[in-house]
C-alpha cells in the first residue's frame, strides 16, 4: 500500500504520532509527539500579585479573617479558664496568668457537683441523640417510601410546627409534665426520662423532614430489587437503607447531641434537684451571684463540656464528609 501523503494545512494522511508544522511557506518540520524531547515547553506567565489576588488571593484573605474571628472566643474562654483570679476583667490580657486553679476548684467544690452534672448531660444527650436518629429515620422512611392517607398533610404539619420556637411552649410543657407526674412520677417533673421525652418531641419534626429529603435521594430501584429477592420493609430499612443514609444519620446525631448539651431553658424548668441538673443549668449557678461570679471556674467547666462534642464530631467526620450513596446503583 502506498504511503499516505500529508495534505498542507491538515493532519489527513499523517502517521500515528506525527504532526506537520510549517515554519513558513517553504519549510516543513515533522515533530514526534511520542518523544518528550521534541515537545517544546509552554511558556510560563510571570507571576503578578495583582492578578493572583483578583483571581484567588482575596479568598485566602477572607478565609483567614473568618478563622481568626471564629477562634477568638475559644481562645478567650481558654485564657479565662487558666486565669486563677476568677474574673473576666483580669482575662483581657490573654494568657497573662496561667494556672489550673479553676479546674481544680470546679472539680472539687462540694457545692457544685460538676462531675454529676457532666454525667447527667452525657446520658441525656446520648440517649436523646440515639432515639432521635432511630425514630426520625423510621418516620422519614415511611414518608419517603410509603403512600398513605394524610402523608402530605403530615409533611406540611412538620414544617409548620417548626415555625414556632420551643421557648413558647415552656409553660405548657411545665403544666403537662406536672400533670403527668401526678399519675406517673417516673416520667414527670424532675426526672431525666421526662426531659428526654420533651427533647424528642421538639427535635423529631425538623430532623424527620431533614432525613426525608435525604431518603428521597436513595434510588427506589434498590428497594424494588430487594423486594424481588423477598425482603420486606423492615429488612430493607435495617440492612440496606440505614447503611446508605449513614451521612445524614451522623449529622442528625451530632446536631441533636449538641442541642441537648447546650439547652438551658427547658432543663432549668423541669430539673429541680441539684444532683439531677445538667451542665448548662449547673454552670449558670457559678455566675448567678451578683456579688461574686466565678467566671474562671465557669470557663473551665465550659472547656471541659466542649470536649465530648469535639470528640463526637471527630468520630463522625468521615460519615459527614463521605457520601455513601454514590455508586449504589449502576
C-alpha atoms as a PDB file:
ATOM      1  CA  UNK A   1       0.000   0.000   0.000  1.00  0.00           C
ATOM      2  CA  UNK A   2       1.356   3.381  -0.919  1.00  0.00           C
ATOM      3  CA  UNK A   3       2.288   5.710   1.916  1.00  0.00           C
ATOM      4  CA  UNK A   4      -0.208   8.465   2.565  1.00  0.00           C
ATOM      5  CA  UNK A   5       0.927  11.938   1.695  1.00  0.00           C
ATOM      6  CA  UNK A   6       0.176  14.781   4.086  1.00  0.00           C
ATOM      7  CA  UNK A   7      -2.156  17.498   2.898  1.00  0.00           C
ATOM      8  CA  UNK A   8      -0.865  21.013   3.708  1.00  0.00           C
ATOM      9  CA  UNK A   9      -2.881  22.667   6.451  1.00  0.00           C
ATOM     10  CA  UNK A  10      -4.428  19.445   7.726  1.00  0.00           C
ATOM     11  CA  UNK A  11      -3.418  16.288   9.520  1.00  0.00           C
ATOM     12  CA  UNK A  12      -5.007  13.950   6.976  1.00  0.00           C
ATOM     13  CA  UNK A  13      -2.684  11.155   5.945  1.00  0.00           C
ATOM     14  CA  UNK A  14      -0.168  11.666   8.772  1.00  0.00           C
ATOM     15  CA  UNK A  15       1.293   8.654  10.526  1.00  0.00           C
ATOM     16  CA  UNK A  16       0.336   7.992  14.146  1.00  0.00           C
ATOM     17  CA  UNK A  17       2.173  10.345  16.482  1.00  0.00           C
ATOM     18  CA  UNK A  18       3.301  12.708  13.716  1.00  0.00           C
ATOM     19  CA  UNK A  19       2.266  16.344  13.370  1.00  0.00           C
ATOM     20  CA  UNK A  20       3.172  18.547  10.480  1.00  0.00           C
ATOM     21  CA  UNK A  21       4.315  22.045  11.429  1.00  0.00           C
ATOM     22  CA  UNK A  22       5.054  24.727   8.867  1.00  0.00           C
ATOM     23  CA  UNK A  23       7.512  27.387   9.934  1.00  0.00           C
ATOM     24  CA  UNK A  24       6.851  29.293   6.707  1.00  0.00           C
ATOM     25  CA  UNK A  25       5.726  28.625   3.194  1.00  0.00           C
ATOM     26  CA  UNK A  26       8.967  26.852   2.210  1.00  0.00           C
ATOM     27  CA  UNK A  27       9.964  24.966   5.393  1.00  0.00           C
ATOM     28  CA  UNK A  28       8.371  21.890   6.924  1.00  0.00           C
ATOM     29  CA  UNK A  29       9.397  20.177  10.164  1.00  0.00           C
ATOM     30  CA  UNK A  30       7.979  16.913  11.412  1.00  0.00           C
ATOM     31  CA  UNK A  31       7.760  16.708  15.224  1.00  0.00           C
ATOM     32  CA  UNK A  32       7.058  13.453  17.026  1.00  0.00           C
ATOM     33  CA  UNK A  33       4.526  13.722  19.847  1.00  0.00           C
ATOM     34  CA  UNK A  34       5.757  10.478  21.364  1.00  0.00           C
ATOM     35  CA  UNK A  35       9.212  11.902  22.082  1.00  0.00           C
ATOM     36  CA  UNK A  36       9.142  14.323  25.060  1.00  0.00           C
ATOM     37  CA  UNK A  37      12.395  15.918  23.928  1.00  0.00           C
ATOM     38  CA  UNK A  38      10.740  17.137  20.702  1.00  0.00           C
ATOM     39  CA  UNK A  39       7.895  18.892  22.539  1.00  0.00           C
ATOM     40  CA  UNK A  40       8.676  22.475  23.412  1.00  0.00           C
ATOM     41  CA  UNK A  41       7.502  23.511  26.930  1.00  0.00           C
ATOM     42  CA  UNK A  42       4.752  26.068  27.107  1.00  0.00           C
ATOM     43  CA  UNK A  43       5.989  29.462  28.229  1.00  0.00           C
ATOM     44  CA  UNK A  44       5.006  30.330  31.810  1.00  0.00           C
ATOM     45  CA  UNK A  45       3.415  33.624  32.517  1.00  0.00           C
ATOM     46  CA  UNK A  46       5.283  35.768  35.004  1.00  0.00           C
ATOM     47  CA  UNK A  47       3.743  35.855  38.491  1.00  0.00           C
ATOM     48  CA  UNK A  48       1.847  39.030  39.179  1.00  0.00           C
ATOM     49  CA  UNK A  49       0.459  39.625  42.657  1.00  0.00           C
ATOM     50  CA  UNK A  50      -2.422  41.776  41.441  1.00  0.00           C
ATOM     51  CA  UNK A  51      -3.670  39.153  39.019  1.00  0.00           C
ATOM     52  CA  UNK A  52      -3.311  36.365  41.612  1.00  0.00           C
ATOM     53  CA  UNK A  53      -5.115  38.418  44.267  1.00  0.00           C
ATOM     54  CA  UNK A  54      -8.035  39.193  41.958  1.00  0.00           C
ATOM     55  CA  UNK A  55      -8.358  35.536  40.954  1.00  0.00           C
ATOM     56  CA  UNK A  56      -7.929  33.585  44.207  1.00  0.00           C
ATOM     57  CA  UNK A  57      -5.908  35.632  46.689  1.00  0.00           C
ATOM     58  CA  UNK A  58      -8.862  37.538  48.153  1.00  0.00           C
ATOM     59  CA  UNK A  59     -10.489  34.209  49.069  1.00  0.00           C
ATOM     60  CA  UNK A  60      -7.481  33.293  51.196  1.00  0.00           C
ATOM     61  CA  UNK A  61      -7.704  36.635  52.992  1.00  0.00           C
ATOM     62  CA  UNK A  62     -11.419  36.161  53.704  1.00  0.00           C
ATOM     63  CA  UNK A  63     -10.780  32.616  54.947  1.00  0.00           C
ATOM     64  CA  UNK A  64      -8.015  33.706  57.322  1.00  0.00           C
ATOM     65  CA  UNK A  65     -10.173  36.541  58.706  1.00  0.00           C
ATOM     66  CA  UNK A  66     -13.102  34.176  59.310  1.00  0.00           C
ATOM     67  CA  UNK A  67     -10.864  31.629  61.053  1.00  0.00           C
ATOM     68  CA  UNK A  68      -9.446  34.310  63.361  1.00  0.00           C
ATOM     69  CA  UNK A  69     -12.942  35.648  64.043  1.00  0.00           C
ATOM     70  CA  UNK A  70     -14.175  32.123  64.911  1.00  0.00           C
ATOM     71  CA  UNK A  71     -11.209  31.165  67.083  1.00  0.00           C
ATOM     72  CA  UNK A  72     -11.055  34.347  69.160  1.00  0.00           C
ATOM     73  CA  UNK A  73     -13.960  33.445  71.530  1.00  0.00           C
ATOM     74  CA  UNK A  74     -12.462  29.990  72.057  1.00  0.00           C
ATOM     75  CA  UNK A  75      -9.034  31.438  72.814  1.00  0.00           C
ATOM     76  CA  UNK A  76     -10.578  33.966  75.216  1.00  0.00           C
ATOM     77  CA  UNK A  77     -12.512  31.255  77.115  1.00  0.00           C
ATOM     78  CA  UNK A  78      -9.394  29.088  77.406  1.00  0.00           C
ATOM     79  CA  UNK A  79      -7.399  32.082  78.631  1.00  0.00           C
ATOM     80  CA  UNK A  80     -10.107  32.878  81.194  1.00  0.00           C
ATOM     81  CA  UNK A  81     -10.187  29.266  82.411  1.00  0.00           C
ATOM     82  CA  UNK A  82      -6.440  29.369  83.042  1.00  0.00           C
ATOM     83  CA  UNK A  83      -6.647  32.680  84.915  1.00  0.00           C
ATOM     84  CA  UNK A  84      -6.620  31.971  88.685  1.00  0.00           C
ATOM     85  CA  UNK A  85      -8.216  35.346  89.551  1.00  0.00           C
ATOM     86  CA  UNK A  86     -11.714  34.184  88.612  1.00  0.00           C
ATOM     87  CA  UNK A  87     -12.824  37.406  86.875  1.00  0.00           C
ATOM     88  CA  UNK A  88     -13.293  38.324  83.256  1.00  0.00           C
ATOM     89  CA  UNK A  89     -11.708  41.746  83.663  1.00  0.00           C
ATOM     90  CA  UNK A  90      -8.435  40.087  84.593  1.00  0.00           C
ATOM     91  CA  UNK A  91      -8.603  37.968  81.430  1.00  0.00           C
ATOM     92  CA  UNK A  92      -8.473  40.838  78.960  1.00  0.00           C
ATOM     93  CA  UNK A  93      -4.749  40.255  78.552  1.00  0.00           C
ATOM     94  CA  UNK A  94      -4.718  36.793  77.008  1.00  0.00           C
ATOM     95  CA  UNK A  95      -2.700  34.219  78.942  1.00  0.00           C
ATOM     96  CA  UNK A  96      -1.216  36.889  81.237  1.00  0.00           C
ATOM     97  CA  UNK A  97      -1.533  34.427  84.135  1.00  0.00           C
ATOM     98  CA  UNK A  98      -1.668  30.667  83.716  1.00  0.00           C
ATOM     99  CA  UNK A  99      -2.768  28.179  86.343  1.00  0.00           C
ATOM    100  CA  UNK A 100      -5.034  25.182  86.864  1.00  0.00           C
ATOM    101  CA  UNK A 101      -6.713  26.538  89.986  1.00  0.00           C
ATOM    102  CA  UNK A 102     -10.068  26.946  88.208  1.00  0.00           C
ATOM    103  CA  UNK A 103     -10.118  23.339  87.022  1.00  0.00           C
ATOM    104  CA  UNK A 104      -9.214  22.037  90.478  1.00  0.00           C
ATOM    105  CA  UNK A 105     -11.839  24.278  92.087  1.00  0.00           C
ATOM    106  CA  UNK A 106     -14.689  23.204  89.827  1.00  0.00           C
ATOM    107  CA  UNK A 107     -13.830  19.509  90.108  1.00  0.00           C
ATOM    108  CA  UNK A 108     -13.555  19.502  93.907  1.00  0.00           C
ATOM    109  CA  UNK A 109     -16.165  22.059  95.009  1.00  0.00           C
ATOM    110  CA  UNK A 110     -18.845  20.193  97.026  1.00  0.00           C
ATOM    111  CA  UNK A 111     -21.377  22.955  96.348  1.00  0.00           C
ATOM    112  CA  UNK A 112     -21.019  22.470  92.591  1.00  0.00           C
ATOM    113  CA  UNK A 113     -21.122  18.736  91.713  1.00  0.00           C
ATOM    114  CA  UNK A 114     -19.584  19.220  88.291  1.00  0.00           C
ATOM    115  CA  UNK A 115     -18.934  15.533  87.621  1.00  0.00           C
ATOM    116  CA  UNK A 116     -22.579  14.711  88.399  1.00  0.00           C
ATOM    117  CA  UNK A 117     -23.767  17.425  86.028  1.00  0.00           C
ATOM    118  CA  UNK A 118     -21.330  16.181  83.417  1.00  0.00           C
ATOM    119  CA  UNK A 119     -22.587  12.611  83.701  1.00  0.00           C
ATOM    120  CA  UNK A 120     -26.230  13.715  83.553  1.00  0.00           C
ATOM    121  CA  UNK A 121     -25.530  15.747  80.433  1.00  0.00           C
ATOM    122  CA  UNK A 122     -23.757  12.914  78.625  1.00  0.00           C
ATOM    123  CA  UNK A 123     -26.519  10.452  79.486  1.00  0.00           C
ATOM    124  CA  UNK A 124     -29.379  12.743  78.455  1.00  0.00           C
ATOM    125  CA  UNK A 125     -27.660  13.977  75.285  1.00  0.00           C
ATOM    126  CA  UNK A 126     -26.548  10.485  74.262  1.00  0.00           C
ATOM    127  CA  UNK A 127     -29.956   8.857  74.724  1.00  0.00           C
ATOM    128  CA  UNK A 128     -31.678  11.779  73.013  1.00  0.00           C
ATOM    129  CA  UNK A 129     -29.327  11.595  70.020  1.00  0.00           C
ATOM    130  CA  UNK A 130     -29.764   7.832  69.579  1.00  0.00           C
ATOM    131  CA  UNK A 131     -33.559   7.889  69.903  1.00  0.00           C
ATOM    132  CA  UNK A 132     -33.842  10.961  67.672  1.00  0.00           C
ATOM    133  CA  UNK A 133     -31.894   9.241  64.902  1.00  0.00           C
ATOM    134  CA  UNK A 134     -33.835   5.981  65.235  1.00  0.00           C
ATOM    135  CA  UNK A 135     -37.343   7.429  65.443  1.00  0.00           C
ATOM    136  CA  UNK A 136     -36.614  10.119  62.863  1.00  0.00           C
ATOM    137  CA  UNK A 137     -35.250   7.547  60.423  1.00  0.00           C
ATOM    138  CA  UNK A 138     -38.367   5.390  60.841  1.00  0.00           C
ATOM    139  CA  UNK A 139     -40.639   8.357  60.171  1.00  0.00           C
ATOM    140  CA  UNK A 140     -38.536   9.588  57.231  1.00  0.00           C
ATOM    141  CA  UNK A 141     -38.533   6.131  55.631  1.00  0.00           C
ATOM    142  CA  UNK A 142     -42.314   5.924  55.966  1.00  0.00           C
ATOM    143  CA  UNK A 143     -42.852   9.327  54.379  1.00  0.00           C
ATOM    144  CA  UNK A 144     -40.347   8.629  51.612  1.00  0.00           C
ATOM    145  CA  UNK A 145     -41.255   5.078  50.577  1.00  0.00           C
ATOM    146  CA  UNK A 146     -44.895   4.592  51.524  1.00  0.00           C
ATOM    147  CA  UNK A 147     -48.071   6.245  50.247  1.00  0.00           C
ATOM    148  CA  UNK A 148     -50.847   6.562  52.813  1.00  0.00           C
ATOM    149  CA  UNK A 149     -53.730   8.845  53.722  1.00  0.00           C
ATOM    150  CA  UNK A 150     -52.555  12.031  55.435  1.00  0.00           C
ATOM    151  CA  UNK A 151     -48.969  11.774  54.180  1.00  0.00           C
ATOM    152  CA  UNK A 152     -48.923  15.219  52.549  1.00  0.00           C
ATOM    153  CA  UNK A 153     -50.719  16.816  55.494  1.00  0.00           C
ATOM    154  CA  UNK A 154     -48.195  15.245  57.872  1.00  0.00           C
ATOM    155  CA  UNK A 155     -45.229  16.670  55.965  1.00  0.00           C
ATOM    156  CA  UNK A 156     -46.789  20.140  55.915  1.00  0.00           C
ATOM    157  CA  UNK A 157     -47.617  19.907  59.627  1.00  0.00           C
ATOM    158  CA  UNK A 158     -43.990  19.054  60.425  1.00  0.00           C
ATOM    159  CA  UNK A 159     -42.802  22.181  58.651  1.00  0.00           C
ATOM    160  CA  UNK A 160     -45.460  24.444  60.172  1.00  0.00           C
ATOM    161  CA  UNK A 161     -44.840  23.248  63.728  1.00  0.00           C
ATOM    162  CA  UNK A 162     -41.146  24.080  63.432  1.00  0.00           C
ATOM    163  CA  UNK A 163     -42.030  27.732  62.750  1.00  0.00           C
ATOM    164  CA  UNK A 164     -42.794  28.207  66.446  1.00  0.00           C
ATOM    165  CA  UNK A 165     -39.810  28.116  68.823  1.00  0.00           C
ATOM    166  CA  UNK A 166     -39.809  25.684  71.718  1.00  0.00           C
ATOM    167  CA  UNK A 167     -39.498  28.599  74.134  1.00  0.00           C
ATOM    168  CA  UNK A 168     -43.147  29.481  73.539  1.00  0.00           C
ATOM    169  CA  UNK A 169     -44.216  26.091  74.886  1.00  0.00           C
ATOM    170  CA  UNK A 170     -42.284  26.210  78.174  1.00  0.00           C
ATOM    171  CA  UNK A 171     -45.359  26.977  80.289  1.00  0.00           C
ATOM    172  CA  UNK A 172     -47.408  24.314  78.519  1.00  0.00           C
ATOM    173  CA  UNK A 173     -44.584  21.793  78.904  1.00  0.00           C
ATOM    174  CA  UNK A 174     -44.329  22.524  82.625  1.00  0.00           C
ATOM    175  CA  UNK A 175     -48.067  22.088  83.189  1.00  0.00           C
ATOM    176  CA  UNK A 176     -48.148  18.939  81.063  1.00  0.00           C
ATOM    177  CA  UNK A 177     -45.217  17.310  82.839  1.00  0.00           C
ATOM    178  CA  UNK A 178     -46.646  18.307  86.216  1.00  0.00           C
ATOM    179  CA  UNK A 179     -49.940  16.593  85.363  1.00  0.00           C
ATOM    180  CA  UNK A 180     -48.149  13.514  84.022  1.00  0.00           C
ATOM    181  CA  UNK A 181     -46.020  13.373  87.192  1.00  0.00           C
ATOM    182  CA  UNK A 182     -49.173  13.047  89.305  1.00  0.00           C
ATOM    183  CA  UNK A 183     -50.017   9.789  87.524  1.00  0.00           C
ATOM    184  CA  UNK A 184     -46.556   8.539  86.523  1.00  0.00           C
ATOM    185  CA  UNK A 185     -43.884  10.114  88.747  1.00  0.00           C
ATOM    186  CA  UNK A 186     -41.063   8.354  86.853  1.00  0.00           C
ATOM    187  CA  UNK A 187     -41.635  10.482  83.745  1.00  0.00           C
ATOM    188  CA  UNK A 188     -42.878  13.721  85.298  1.00  0.00           C
ATOM    189  CA  UNK A 189     -41.122  16.765  86.674  1.00  0.00           C
ATOM    190  CA  UNK A 190     -37.567  16.499  87.976  1.00  0.00           C
ATOM    191  CA  UNK A 191     -36.853  13.302  86.013  1.00  0.00           C
ATOM    192  CA  UNK A 192     -34.333  12.647  83.252  1.00  0.00           C
ATOM    193  CA  UNK A 193     -36.788  10.480  81.332  1.00  0.00           C
ATOM    194  CA  UNK A 194     -39.298  13.322  81.208  1.00  0.00           C
ATOM    195  CA  UNK A 195     -36.675  15.740  79.910  1.00  0.00           C
ATOM    196  CA  UNK A 196     -35.599  13.244  77.236  1.00  0.00           C
ATOM    197  CA  UNK A 197     -39.216  12.852  76.103  1.00  0.00           C
ATOM    198  CA  UNK A 198     -39.568  16.622  75.787  1.00  0.00           C
ATOM    199  CA  UNK A 199     -36.343  16.816  73.770  1.00  0.00           C
ATOM    200  CA  UNK A 200     -37.541  14.043  71.465  1.00  0.00           C
ATOM    201  CA  UNK A 201     -40.836  15.760  70.837  1.00  0.00           C
ATOM    202  CA  UNK A 202     -39.134  19.017  69.943  1.00  0.00           C
ATOM    203  CA  UNK A 203     -36.447  17.544  67.681  1.00  0.00           C
ATOM    204  CA  UNK A 204     -38.305  14.831  65.762  1.00  0.00           C
ATOM    205  CA  UNK A 205     -40.103  17.253  63.447  1.00  0.00           C
ATOM    206  CA  UNK A 206     -37.184  19.092  61.897  1.00  0.00           C
ATOM    207  CA  UNK A 207     -34.936  16.016  61.893  1.00  0.00           C
ATOM    208  CA  UNK A 208     -37.598  13.900  60.215  1.00  0.00           C
ATOM    209  CA  UNK A 209     -38.009  16.444  57.446  1.00  0.00           C
ATOM    210  CA  UNK A 210     -34.229  16.715  57.081  1.00  0.00           C
ATOM    211  CA  UNK A 211     -33.822  12.947  56.758  1.00  0.00           C
ATOM    212  CA  UNK A 212     -36.876  12.707  54.487  1.00  0.00           C
ATOM    213  CA  UNK A 213     -35.110  14.798  51.856  1.00  0.00           C
ATOM    214  CA  UNK A 214     -32.000  12.614  52.073  1.00  0.00           C
ATOM    215  CA  UNK A 215     -34.033   9.370  51.886  1.00  0.00           C
ATOM    216  CA  UNK A 216     -35.525  10.607  48.610  1.00  0.00           C
ATOM    217  CA  UNK A 217     -32.033  10.724  47.073  1.00  0.00           C
ATOM    218  CA  UNK A 218     -31.644   6.953  47.539  1.00  0.00           C
ATOM    219  CA  UNK A 219     -32.971   5.316  44.339  1.00  0.00           C
ATOM    220  CA  UNK A 220     -36.168   3.351  44.768  1.00  0.00           C
ATOM    221  CA  UNK A 221     -34.740   0.658  42.484  1.00  0.00           C
ATOM    222  CA  UNK A 222     -32.737  -0.591  45.474  1.00  0.00           C
ATOM    223  CA  UNK A 223     -35.963  -1.288  47.352  1.00  0.00           C
ATOM    224  CA  UNK A 224     -37.504  -2.928  44.303  1.00  0.00           C
ATOM    225  CA  UNK A 225     -34.504  -5.213  43.822  1.00  0.00           C
ATOM    226  CA  UNK A 226     -34.632  -6.237  47.479  1.00  0.00           C
ATOM    227  CA  UNK A 227     -38.377  -6.904  47.280  1.00  0.00           C
ATOM    228  CA  UNK A 228     -37.809  -9.200  44.292  1.00  0.00           C
ATOM    229  CA  UNK A 229     -35.432 -11.204  46.482  1.00  0.00           C
ATOM    230  CA  UNK A 230     -38.149 -11.496  49.111  1.00  0.00           C
ATOM    231  CA  UNK A 231     -37.115  -8.766  51.562  1.00  0.00           C
ATOM    232  CA  UNK A 232     -39.752  -6.844  53.470  1.00  0.00           C
ATOM    233  CA  UNK A 233     -39.813  -3.225  54.583  1.00  0.00           C
ATOM    234  CA  UNK A 234     -38.130  -3.985  57.908  1.00  0.00           C
ATOM    235  CA  UNK A 235     -35.249  -5.869  56.318  1.00  0.00           C
ATOM    236  CA  UNK A 236     -34.782  -3.244  53.614  1.00  0.00           C
ATOM    237  CA  UNK A 237     -34.737  -0.479  56.208  1.00  0.00           C
ATOM    238  CA  UNK A 238     -32.353  -2.053  58.714  1.00  0.00           C
ATOM    239  CA  UNK A 239     -29.939  -3.848  56.370  1.00  0.00           C
ATOM    240  CA  UNK A 240     -29.830  -1.623  53.278  1.00  0.00           C
ATOM    241  CA  UNK A 241     -31.250   1.866  53.684  1.00  0.00           C
ATOM    242  CA  UNK A 242     -29.648   2.705  57.035  1.00  0.00           C
ATOM    243  CA  UNK A 243     -26.195   1.968  55.632  1.00  0.00           C
ATOM    244  CA  UNK A 244     -26.761   4.150  52.578  1.00  0.00           C
ATOM    245  CA  UNK A 245     -28.046   7.112  54.589  1.00  0.00           C
ATOM    246  CA  UNK A 246     -25.312   6.958  57.233  1.00  0.00           C
ATOM    247  CA  UNK A 247     -24.100  10.541  56.482  1.00  0.00           C
ATOM    248  CA  UNK A 248     -27.441  12.151  57.343  1.00  0.00           C
ATOM    249  CA  UNK A 249     -27.786   9.925  60.426  1.00  0.00           C
ATOM    250  CA  UNK A 250     -24.401  11.163  61.630  1.00  0.00           C
ATOM    251  CA  UNK A 251     -25.383  14.790  61.025  1.00  0.00           C
ATOM    252  CA  UNK A 252     -28.682  14.422  62.893  1.00  0.00           C
ATOM    253  CA  UNK A 253     -26.981  12.635  65.784  1.00  0.00           C
ATOM    254  CA  UNK A 254     -24.354  15.362  66.070  1.00  0.00           C
ATOM    255  CA  UNK A 255     -26.881  18.218  65.898  1.00  0.00           C
ATOM    256  CA  UNK A 256     -29.154  16.529  68.430  1.00  0.00           C
ATOM    257  CA  UNK A 257     -26.271  15.884  70.817  1.00  0.00           C
ATOM    258  CA  UNK A 258     -25.049  19.493  70.607  1.00  0.00           C
ATOM    259  CA  UNK A 259     -28.568  20.877  71.081  1.00  0.00           C
ATOM    260  CA  UNK A 260     -29.144  18.716  74.168  1.00  0.00           C
ATOM    261  CA  UNK A 261     -25.814  19.733  75.719  1.00  0.00           C
ATOM    262  CA  UNK A 262     -26.435  23.456  75.164  1.00  0.00           C
ATOM    263  CA  UNK A 263     -30.160  23.539  76.028  1.00  0.00           C
ATOM    264  CA  UNK A 264     -30.908  25.576  79.154  1.00  0.00           C
ATOM    265  CA  UNK A 265     -34.487  26.855  79.323  1.00  0.00           C
ATOM    266  CA  UNK A 266     -36.439  23.582  79.376  1.00  0.00           C
ATOM    267  CA  UNK A 267     -33.836  21.827  81.539  1.00  0.00           C
ATOM    268  CA  UNK A 268     -33.915  24.618  84.119  1.00  0.00           C
ATOM    269  CA  UNK A 269     -37.717  24.396  84.320  1.00  0.00           C
ATOM    270  CA  UNK A 270     -38.056  20.611  84.545  1.00  0.00           C
ATOM    271  CA  UNK A 271     -34.991  19.696  86.637  1.00  0.00           C
ATOM    272  CA  UNK A 272     -35.228  20.991  90.204  1.00  0.00           C
ATOM    273  CA  UNK A 273     -32.781  18.994  92.326  1.00  0.00           C
ATOM    274  CA  UNK A 274     -29.122  19.961  92.047  1.00  0.00           C
ATOM    275  CA  UNK A 275     -27.901  16.400  91.570  1.00  0.00           C
ATOM    276  CA  UNK A 276     -30.231  15.917  88.584  1.00  0.00           C
ATOM    277  CA  UNK A 277     -29.398  19.066  86.670  1.00  0.00           C
ATOM    278  CA  UNK A 278     -27.322  19.306  83.505  1.00  0.00           C
ATOM    279  CA  UNK A 279     -24.155  21.277  82.822  1.00  0.00           C
ATOM    280  CA  UNK A 280     -25.975  24.181  81.209  1.00  0.00           C
ATOM    281  CA  UNK A 281     -28.123  24.646  84.315  1.00  0.00           C
ATOM    282  CA  UNK A 282     -25.450  23.876  86.882  1.00  0.00           C
ATOM    283  CA  UNK A 283     -22.726  26.096  85.444  1.00  0.00           C
ATOM    284  CA  UNK A 284     -25.130  29.028  85.416  1.00  0.00           C
ATOM    285  CA  UNK A 285     -25.197  28.914  89.213  1.00  0.00           C
ATOM    286  CA  UNK A 286     -21.490  29.762  89.277  1.00  0.00           C
ATOM    287  CA  UNK A 287     -22.167  33.170  87.735  1.00  0.00           C
ATOM    288  CA  UNK A 288     -25.680  33.841  89.068  1.00  0.00           C
ATOM    289  CA  UNK A 289     -24.443  35.549  92.228  1.00  0.00           C
ATOM    290  CA  UNK A 290     -24.318  39.320  91.515  1.00  0.00           C
ATOM    291  CA  UNK A 291     -21.704  39.912  94.217  1.00  0.00           C
ATOM    292  CA  UNK A 292     -19.244  37.273  93.093  1.00  0.00           C
ATOM    293  CA  UNK A 293     -19.350  35.431  89.800  1.00  0.00           C
ATOM    294  CA  UNK A 294     -16.672  32.782  89.386  1.00  0.00           C
ATOM    295  CA  UNK A 295     -16.158  33.283  85.674  1.00  0.00           C
ATOM    296  CA  UNK A 296     -12.859  31.442  85.716  1.00  0.00           C
ATOM    297  CA  UNK A 297     -14.481  28.240  87.018  1.00  0.00           C
ATOM    298  CA  UNK A 298     -17.374  28.775  84.602  1.00  0.00           C
ATOM    299  CA  UNK A 299     -14.917  28.972  81.689  1.00  0.00           C
ATOM    300  CA  UNK A 300     -13.106  25.867  82.918  1.00  0.00           C
ATOM    301  CA  UNK A 301     -16.405  23.983  83.006  1.00  0.00           C
ATOM    302  CA  UNK A 302     -17.287  25.219  79.534  1.00  0.00           C
ATOM    303  CA  UNK A 303     -13.960  23.977  78.167  1.00  0.00           C
ATOM    304  CA  UNK A 304     -14.476  20.538  79.716  1.00  0.00           C
ATOM    305  CA  UNK A 305     -18.072  20.412  78.470  1.00  0.00           C
ATOM    306  CA  UNK A 306     -16.885  21.083  74.905  1.00  0.00           C
ATOM    307  CA  UNK A 307     -14.582  18.054  74.839  1.00  0.00           C
ATOM    308  CA  UNK A 308     -17.327  15.411  74.228  1.00  0.00           C
ATOM    309  CA  UNK A 309     -18.775  17.489  71.387  1.00  0.00           C
ATOM    310  CA  UNK A 310     -15.376  17.823  69.718  1.00  0.00           C
ATOM    311  CA  UNK A 311     -14.666  14.112  70.182  1.00  0.00           C
ATOM    312  CA  UNK A 312     -18.039  13.145  68.696  1.00  0.00           C
ATOM    313  CA  UNK A 313     -17.525  15.467  65.741  1.00  0.00           C
ATOM    314  CA  UNK A 314     -14.109  13.974  65.008  1.00  0.00           C
ATOM    315  CA  UNK A 315     -15.514  10.457  65.296  1.00  0.00           C
ATOM    316  CA  UNK A 316     -18.405  11.169  62.884  1.00  0.00           C
ATOM    317  CA  UNK A 317     -16.393  13.308  60.499  1.00  0.00           C
ATOM    318  CA  UNK A 318     -15.801  10.538  57.958  1.00  0.00           C
ATOM    319  CA  UNK A 319     -19.537   9.855  57.784  1.00  0.00           C
ATOM    320  CA  UNK A 320     -20.433  13.519  57.496  1.00  0.00           C
ATOM    321  CA  UNK A 321     -17.954  14.216  54.703  1.00  0.00           C
ATOM    322  CA  UNK A 322     -18.394  10.967  52.765  1.00  0.00           C
ATOM    323  CA  UNK A 323     -21.415  10.334  50.566  1.00  0.00           C
ATOM    324  CA  UNK A 324     -22.134   6.630  50.877  1.00  0.00           C
ATOM    325  CA  UNK A 325     -24.967   6.694  48.332  1.00  0.00           C
ATOM    326  CA  UNK A 326     -22.519   7.350  45.474  1.00  0.00           C
ATOM    327  CA  UNK A 327     -22.392   4.325  43.231  1.00  0.00           C
ATOM    328  CA  UNK A 328     -25.236   2.470  44.938  1.00  0.00           C
ATOM    329  CA  UNK A 329     -26.935   1.867  41.587  1.00  0.00           C
ATOM    330  CA  UNK A 330     -25.078   1.340  38.325  1.00  0.00           C
END
